[in-house]
Amino acid sequence: MTVDDGRIISVDQRDLDILRWCFCTVSALDADTPDGILERVREEVLKEYDQNPGKTLAVRILVAGSCKAHESLMKDPDQWISQIRADATDVSGGLIWIEKVVFRTSPKFDHDKIQGPIRELIQYIKGIETGDVFSKYLKEDYTNLKGKLPRELYKGENALDLESPDKAAILLEDAKHLLTSLLLSGESSD
């Protein structure tokens, strides 16, 4: 700051921080493979790194969208999260810390090519909404289930909390995507 005769003449910015927080939203839309998504994540992380030269970054990543890579991502999300973390470390020389990666992807399929009872079942699943009836049954089942599951499931940031309408809606969407993927892939839960 430059002061002349008791008045501020100019102000110069001086960055004193040593860590910057960043949130990256990465579109998975139409990605065919997890490697395609990894490349998109790398690009977004590099943009943040280039905008904050020399700074250590804490980054949260949200990968969202409908894509063919969804099933591969969901089979082993820890593998892809580890790869994202390793890539961030490599491109930044260790200056980027990936705090969290959240996958909010959904399967991509051509509705017109699906026929018969599978199509009807998928349409039914997609039509399920979190409303009063769903909430009523969910609360009843959740109360019964809560006493049977380990307490660790109800603690921490990723706690199972079906009493929260927001978390119940996210869980419902995840279940709808999982059921749709299983129906389309022809797999069964053994």
C-alpha atoms as a PDB file:
ATOM      1  CA  MET A   1       0.000   0.000   0.000  1.00  0.00           C
ATOM      2  CA  THR A   2       1.271   3.413  -0.932  1.00  0.00           C
ATOM      3  CA  VAL A   3       0.107   6.337   1.228  1.00  0.00           C
ATOM      4  CA  ASP A   4       0.651  10.012   0.488  1.00  0.00           C
ATOM      5  CA  ASP A   5      -0.460  12.756   2.827  1.00  0.00           C
ATOM      6  CA  GLY A   6      -2.744  10.373   4.752  1.00  0.00           C
ATOM      7  CA  ARG A   7      -4.471   9.101   1.613  1.00  0.00           C
ATOM      8  CA  ILE A   8      -4.146   5.666   0.043  1.00  0.00           C
ATOM      9  CA  ILE A   9      -2.614   6.090  -3.408  1.00  0.00           C
ATOM     10  CA  SER A  10      -2.312   2.441  -4.457  1.00  0.00           C
ATOM     11  CA  VAL A  11      -2.796  -1.058  -3.131  1.00  0.00           C
ATOM     12  CA  ASP A  12      -0.651  -3.992  -4.224  1.00  0.00           C
ATOM     13  CA  GLN A  13      -1.818  -7.535  -3.663  1.00  0.00           C
ATOM     14  CA  ARG A  14       0.546  -9.732  -1.654  1.00  0.00           C
ATOM     15  CA  ASP A  15      -0.375 -13.384  -1.462  1.00  0.00           C
ATOM     16  CA  LEU A  16       0.541 -14.757   1.947  1.00  0.00           C
ATOM     17  CA  ASP A  17      -1.261 -18.070   1.797  1.00  0.00           C
ATOM     18  CA  ILE A  18       0.529 -21.365   1.401  1.00  0.00           C
ATOM     19  CA  LEU A  19      -2.476 -23.540   0.554  1.00  0.00           C
ATOM     20  CA  ARG A  20      -5.405 -22.990  -1.764  1.00  0.00           C
ATOM     21  CA  TRP A  21      -8.693 -24.884  -1.808  1.00  0.00           C
ATOM     22  CA  CYS A  22     -10.142 -25.811  -5.204  1.00  0.00           C
ATOM     23  CA  PHE A  23     -13.281 -27.572  -6.350  1.00  0.00           C
ATOM     24  CA  CYS A  24     -13.207 -29.152  -9.806  1.00  0.00           C
ATOM     25  CA  THR A  25     -16.320 -30.348 -11.579  1.00  0.00           C
ATOM     26  CA  VAL A  26     -15.450 -32.696 -14.410  1.00  0.00           C
ATOM     27  CA  SER A  27     -17.963 -33.692 -17.068  1.00  0.00           C
ATOM     28  CA  ALA A  28     -18.064 -37.412 -17.760  1.00  0.00           C
ATOM     29  CA  LEU A  29     -20.678 -36.853 -20.457  1.00  0.00           C
ATOM     30  CA  ASP A  30     -20.203 -39.340 -23.293  1.00  0.00           C
ATOM     31  CA  ALA A  31     -16.864 -40.653 -21.988  1.00  0.00           C
ATOM     32  CA  ASP A  32     -16.351 -44.146 -23.382  1.00  0.00           C
ATOM     33  CA  THR A  33     -13.679 -45.327 -20.937  1.00  0.00           C
ATOM     34  CA  PRO A  34     -12.374 -44.483 -17.479  1.00  0.00           C
ATOM     35  CA  ASP A  35      -9.107 -43.424 -19.144  1.00  0.00           C
ATOM     36  CA  GLY A  36     -11.059 -40.750 -21.020  1.00  0.00           C
ATOM     37  CA  ILE A  37     -12.412 -39.479 -17.716  1.00  0.00           C
ATOM     38  CA  LEU A  38      -8.926 -39.556 -16.166  1.00  0.00           C
ATOM     39  CA  GLU A  39      -7.685 -37.355 -19.017  1.00  0.00           C
ATOM     40  CA  ARG A  40     -10.500 -34.847 -18.380  1.00  0.00           C
ATOM     41  CA  VAL A  41      -9.685 -34.811 -14.655  1.00  0.00           C
ATOM     42  CA  ARG A  42      -5.979 -34.222 -15.455  1.00  0.00           C
ATOM     43  CA  GLU A  43      -6.918 -31.256 -17.667  1.00  0.00           C
ATOM     44  CA  GLU A  44      -9.103 -29.660 -14.966  1.00  0.00           C
ATOM     45  CA  VAL A  45      -6.507 -30.210 -12.245  1.00  0.00           C
ATOM     46  CA  LEU A  46      -3.794 -28.729 -14.490  1.00  0.00           C
ATOM     47  CA  LYS A  47      -5.965 -25.644 -15.080  1.00  0.00           C
ATOM     48  CA  GLU A  48      -6.187 -25.094 -11.319  1.00  0.00           C
ATOM     49  CA  TYR A  49      -2.452 -25.708 -10.942  1.00  0.00           C
ATOM     50  CA  ASP A  50      -1.619 -23.220 -13.709  1.00  0.00           C
ATOM     51  CA  GLN A  51      -3.906 -20.585 -12.140  1.00  0.00           C
ATOM     52  CA  ASN A  52      -2.119 -20.974  -8.783  1.00  0.00           C
ATOM     53  CA  PRO A  53       1.591 -21.259  -9.632  1.00  0.00           C
ATOM     54  CA  GLY A  54       3.816 -22.414  -6.801  1.00  0.00           C
ATOM     55  CA  LYS A  55       0.909 -22.921  -4.404  1.00  0.00           C
ATOM     56  CA  THR A  56      -0.029 -26.155  -2.703  1.00  0.00           C
ATOM     57  CA  LEU A  57      -3.582 -27.084  -3.688  1.00  0.00           C
ATOM     58  CA  ALA A  58      -6.199 -29.097  -1.841  1.00  0.00           C
ATOM     59  CA  VAL A  59      -8.630 -30.282  -4.477  1.00  0.00           C
ATOM     60  CA  ARG A  60     -12.062 -31.884  -4.305  1.00  0.00           C
ATOM     61  CA  ILE A  61     -13.224 -33.422  -7.572  1.00  0.00           C
ATOM     62  CA  LEU A  62     -16.769 -34.163  -8.693  1.00  0.00           C
ATOM     63  CA  VAL A  63     -17.078 -36.329 -11.811  1.00  0.00           C
ATOM     64  CA  ALA A  64     -20.642 -36.201 -13.130  1.00  0.00           C
ATOM     65  CA  GLY A  65     -22.603 -37.157 -16.193  1.00  0.00           C
ATOM     66  CA  SER A  66     -24.001 -39.981 -18.232  1.00  0.00           C
ATOM     67  CA  CYS A  67     -21.304 -42.122 -19.843  1.00  0.00           C
ATOM     68  CA  LYS A  68     -20.371 -45.572 -21.089  1.00  0.00           C
ATOM     69  CA  ALA A  69     -17.500 -45.597 -18.566  1.00  0.00           C
ATOM     70  CA  HIS A  70     -19.944 -45.620 -15.625  1.00  0.00           C
ATOM     71  CA  GLU A  71     -19.963 -49.380 -15.108  1.00  0.00           C
ATOM     72  CA  SER A  72     -16.153 -49.620 -15.144  1.00  0.00           C
ATOM     73  CA  LEU A  73     -15.866 -46.739 -12.688  1.00  0.00           C
ATOM     74  CA  MET A  74     -18.368 -48.292 -10.282  1.00  0.00           C
ATOM     75  CA  LYS A  75     -16.796 -51.758 -10.372  1.00  0.00           C
ATOM     76  CA  ASP A  76     -13.674 -50.432  -8.655  1.00  0.00           C
ATOM     77  CA  PRO A  77     -13.933 -46.727  -7.784  1.00  0.00           C
ATOM     78  CA  ASP A  78     -10.939 -46.935  -5.423  1.00  0.00           C
ATOM     79  CA  GLN A  79      -8.700 -47.904  -8.347  1.00  0.00           C
ATOM     80  CA  TRP A  80      -9.718 -44.802 -10.302  1.00  0.00           C
ATOM     81  CA  ILE A  81      -9.487 -42.516  -7.273  1.00  0.00           C
ATOM     82  CA  SER A  82      -5.965 -43.794  -6.596  1.00  0.00           C
ATOM     83  CA  GLN A  83      -5.043 -43.167 -10.237  1.00  0.00           C
ATOM     84  CA  ILE A  84      -6.422 -39.612 -10.061  1.00  0.00           C
ATOM     85  CA  ARG A  85      -4.364 -38.964  -6.923  1.00  0.00           C
ATOM     86  CA  ALA A  86      -1.211 -40.415  -8.505  1.00  0.00           C
ATOM     87  CA  ASP A  87      -1.701 -38.343 -11.678  1.00  0.00           C
ATOM     88  CA  ALA A  88      -2.173 -35.146  -9.632  1.00  0.00           C
ATOM     89  CA  THR A  89       1.023 -35.829  -7.704  1.00  0.00           C
ATOM     90  CA  ASP A  90       2.927 -36.502 -10.938  1.00  0.00           C
ATOM     91  CA  VAL A  91       1.800 -33.365 -12.765  1.00  0.00           C
ATOM     92  CA  SER A  92       2.420 -31.072  -9.789  1.00  0.00           C
ATOM     93  CA  GLY A  93       5.565 -32.468  -8.251  1.00  0.00           C
ATOM     94  CA  GLY A  94       3.590 -33.176  -5.089  1.00  0.00           C
ATOM     95  CA  LEU A  95       1.949 -29.749  -4.758  1.00  0.00           C
ATOM     96  CA  ILE A  96      -1.574 -31.063  -5.335  1.00  0.00           C
ATOM     97  CA  TRP A  97      -3.429 -33.031  -2.676  1.00  0.00           C
ATOM     98  CA  ILE A  98      -6.674 -34.655  -3.819  1.00  0.00           C
ATOM     99  CA  GLU A  99      -8.894 -34.361  -0.762  1.00  0.00           C
ATOM    100  CA  LYS A 100     -11.822 -36.280  -2.198  1.00  0.00           C
ATOM    101  CA  VAL A 101     -13.172 -37.664  -5.468  1.00  0.00           C
ATOM    102  CA  VAL A 102     -16.917 -38.139  -5.900  1.00  0.00           C
ATOM    103  CA  PHE A 103     -18.348 -40.035  -8.859  1.00  0.00           C
ATOM    104  CA  ARG A 104     -21.904 -38.969  -9.739  1.00  0.00           C
ATOM    105  CA  THR A 105     -22.009 -40.722 -13.078  1.00  0.00           C
ATOM    106  CA  SER A 106     -24.835 -42.710 -14.604  1.00  0.00           C
ATOM    107  CA  PRO A 107     -24.966 -45.350 -17.317  1.00  0.00           C
ATOM    108  CA  LYS A 108     -25.375 -44.258 -20.899  1.00  0.00           C
ATOM    109  CA  PHE A 109     -27.645 -46.345 -23.063  1.00  0.00           C
ATOM    110  CA  ASP A 110     -29.925 -45.936 -26.047  1.00  0.00           C
ATOM    111  CA  HIS A 111     -33.538 -46.217 -24.829  1.00  0.00           C
ATOM    112  CA  ASP A 112     -34.786 -46.916 -28.352  1.00  0.00           C
ATOM    113  CA  LYS A 113     -32.737 -50.112 -28.629  1.00  0.00           C
ATOM    114  CA  ILE A 114     -34.116 -51.580 -25.412  1.00  0.00           C
ATOM    115  CA  GLN A 115     -37.369 -53.474 -25.863  1.00  0.00           C
ATOM    116  CA  GLY A 116     -39.779 -55.638 -23.887  1.00  0.00           C
ATOM    117  CA  PRO A 117     -39.962 -56.119 -20.125  1.00  0.00           C
ATOM    118  CA  ILE A 118     -36.439 -54.792 -19.506  1.00  0.00           C
ATOM    119  CA  ARG A 119     -37.460 -51.450 -21.024  1.00  0.00           C
ATOM    120  CA  GLU A 120     -40.603 -51.331 -18.876  1.00  0.00           C
ATOM    121  CA  LEU A 121     -38.652 -52.180 -15.723  1.00  0.00           C
ATOM    122  CA  ILE A 122     -36.041 -49.491 -16.450  1.00  0.00           C
ATOM    123  CA  GLN A 123     -38.807 -46.936 -17.043  1.00  0.00           C
ATOM    124  CA  TYR A 124     -40.404 -47.935 -13.732  1.00  0.00           C
ATOM    125  CA  ILE A 125     -37.079 -47.641 -11.869  1.00  0.00           C
ATOM    126  CA  LYS A 126     -36.374 -44.232 -13.411  1.00  0.00           C
ATOM    127  CA  GLY A 127     -39.863 -43.079 -12.366  1.00  0.00           C
ATOM    128  CA  ILE A 128     -39.339 -43.775  -8.667  1.00  0.00           C
ATOM    129  CA  GLU A 129     -39.139 -40.474  -6.825  1.00  0.00           C
ATOM    130  CA  THR A 130     -38.451 -39.484  -3.253  1.00  0.00           C
ATOM    131  CA  GLY A 131     -41.921 -38.529  -2.145  1.00  0.00           C
ATOM    132  CA  ASP A 132     -44.141 -39.079   0.876  1.00  0.00           C
ATOM    133  CA  VAL A 133     -44.854 -42.748   0.119  1.00  0.00           C
ATOM    134  CA  PHE A 134     -41.199 -43.544  -0.580  1.00  0.00           C
ATOM    135  CA  SER A 135     -40.120 -41.682   2.559  1.00  0.00           C
ATOM    136  CA  LYS A 136     -42.669 -43.541   4.697  1.00  0.00           C
ATOM    137  CA  TYR A 137     -41.466 -46.981   3.586  1.00  0.00           C
ATOM    138  CA  LEU A 138     -37.838 -45.931   3.718  1.00  0.00           C
ATOM    139  CA  LYS A 139     -38.160 -44.718   7.320  1.00  0.00           C
ATOM    140  CA  GLU A 140     -39.871 -47.944   8.384  1.00  0.00           C
ATOM    141  CA  ASP A 141     -37.247 -50.133   6.723  1.00  0.00           C
ATOM    142  CA  TYR A 142     -34.404 -47.892   7.876  1.00  0.00           C
ATOM    143  CA  THR A 143     -35.520 -48.108  11.507  1.00  0.00           C
ATOM    144  CA  ASN A 144     -35.574 -51.919  11.309  1.00  0.00           C
ATOM    145  CA  LEU A 145     -32.265 -52.059   9.460  1.00  0.00           C
ATOM    146  CA  LYS A 146     -30.409 -49.536  11.625  1.00  0.00           C
ATOM    147  CA  GLY A 147     -30.247 -51.872  14.624  1.00  0.00           C
ATOM    148  CA  LYS A 148     -28.770 -54.672  12.508  1.00  0.00           C
ATOM    149  CA  LEU A 149     -25.926 -52.790  10.819  1.00  0.00           C
ATOM    150  CA  PRO A 150     -22.545 -51.812  12.327  1.00  0.00           C
ATOM    151  CA  ARG A 151     -22.458 -48.425  14.059  1.00  0.00           C
ATOM    152  CA  GLU A 152     -19.508 -47.338  11.880  1.00  0.00           C
ATOM    153  CA  LEU A 153     -21.929 -46.910   8.977  1.00  0.00           C
ATOM    154  CA  TYR A 154     -23.628 -44.049  10.804  1.00  0.00           C
ATOM    155  CA  LYS A 155     -20.527 -41.987  11.598  1.00  0.00           C
ATOM    156  CA  GLY A 156     -18.400 -39.576   9.613  1.00  0.00           C
ATOM    157  CA  GLU A 157     -18.858 -37.584   6.432  1.00  0.00           C
ATOM    158  CA  ASN A 158     -20.136 -40.537   4.380  1.00  0.00           C
ATOM    159  CA  ALA A 159     -22.487 -41.779   7.089  1.00  0.00           C
ATOM    160  CA  LEU A 160     -25.605 -43.648   6.099  1.00  0.00           C
ATOM    161  CA  ASP A 161     -28.345 -41.174   6.997  1.00  0.00           C
ATOM    162  CA  LEU A 162     -31.600 -41.976   5.265  1.00  0.00           C
ATOM    163  CA  GLU A 163     -33.480 -39.574   7.512  1.00  0.00           C
ATOM    164  CA  SER A 164     -31.849 -36.720   5.599  1.00  0.00           C
ATOM    165  CA  PRO A 165     -33.953 -36.061   2.466  1.00  0.00           C
ATOM    166  CA  ASP A 166     -30.866 -34.960   0.496  1.00  0.00           C
ATOM    167  CA  LYS A 167     -28.872 -38.088   1.327  1.00  0.00           C
ATOM    168  CA  ALA A 168     -31.888 -40.325   0.702  1.00  0.00           C
ATOM    169  CA  ALA A 169     -32.348 -38.744  -2.739  1.00  0.00           C
ATOM    170  CA  ILE A 170     -28.676 -39.321  -3.613  1.00  0.00           C
ATOM    171  CA  LEU A 171     -28.868 -42.921  -2.420  1.00  0.00           C
ATOM    172  CA  LEU A 172     -32.038 -43.480  -4.458  1.00  0.00           C
ATOM    173  CA  GLU A 173     -30.355 -42.111  -7.596  1.00  0.00           C
ATOM    174  CA  ASP A 174     -27.330 -44.360  -6.996  1.00  0.00           C
ATOM    175  CA  ALA A 175     -29.627 -47.384  -6.559  1.00  0.00           C
ATOM    176  CA  LYS A 176     -31.514 -46.530  -9.747  1.00  0.00           C
ATOM    177  CA  HIS A 177     -28.245 -46.297 -11.709  1.00  0.00           C
ATOM    178  CA  LEU A 178     -26.969 -49.550 -10.224  1.00  0.00           C
ATOM    179  CA  LEU A 179     -30.190 -51.440 -11.024  1.00  0.00           C
ATOM    180  CA  THR A 180     -30.273 -50.053 -14.555  1.00  0.00           C
ATOM    181  CA  SER A 181     -26.627 -51.022 -15.149  1.00  0.00           C
ATOM    182  CA  LEU A 182     -27.217 -54.538 -13.864  1.00  0.00           C
ATOM    183  CA  LEU A 183     -30.300 -54.974 -16.036  1.00  0.00           C
ATOM    184  CA  LEU A 184     -28.502 -53.745 -19.132  1.00  0.00           C
ATOM    185  CA  SER A 185     -25.345 -55.758 -18.568  1.00  0.00           C
ATOM    186  CA  GLY A 186     -27.252 -58.969 -17.924  1.00  0.00           C
ATOM    187  CA  GLU A 187     -25.379 -59.493 -14.633  1.00  0.00           C
ATOM    188  CA  SER A 188     -26.977 -60.741 -11.454  1.00  0.00           C
ATOM    189  CA  SER A 189     -25.985 -60.157  -7.866  1.00  0.00           C
ATOM    190  CA  ASP A 190     -24.542 -63.443  -6.597  1.00  0.00           C
END
